């Protein structure tokens, strides 16, 4: 059954990616076949690095709208992974003020990101 893309069941033949998609030279497909179930495991896998790159790009695009304090507080929070209390100690503000700075800076970045998506 050629339309069946599942792995082998009982005596059924194992389908290969090239066979199912009908691409490539059949001789080459047979020389180094990739089982469809293996290929399916590779398709659609999220790479964690992609999201980080996208986040970094969004931050860089929005960095121009942030003041020095906002940039420093964001850096301490997301690069140094410090708590708001630890950030407050380092920058000389209260934890509540650091919370407000973070909220304001993130709102600015979201606004820039929304504009880029539209």
Foldseek 3Di string as FASTA:
>chain_A
DLQDLDADDDPDDFDFPCSNVVDDDPVVCVVDTDGSVNVVVVPPDDDPVVVVVVVVVLCVQQVVVADPVLVVLVCCCPVVVDQLCVVCVVVVHHSVVSVVSPVVSVVSSVVSVVVVVD
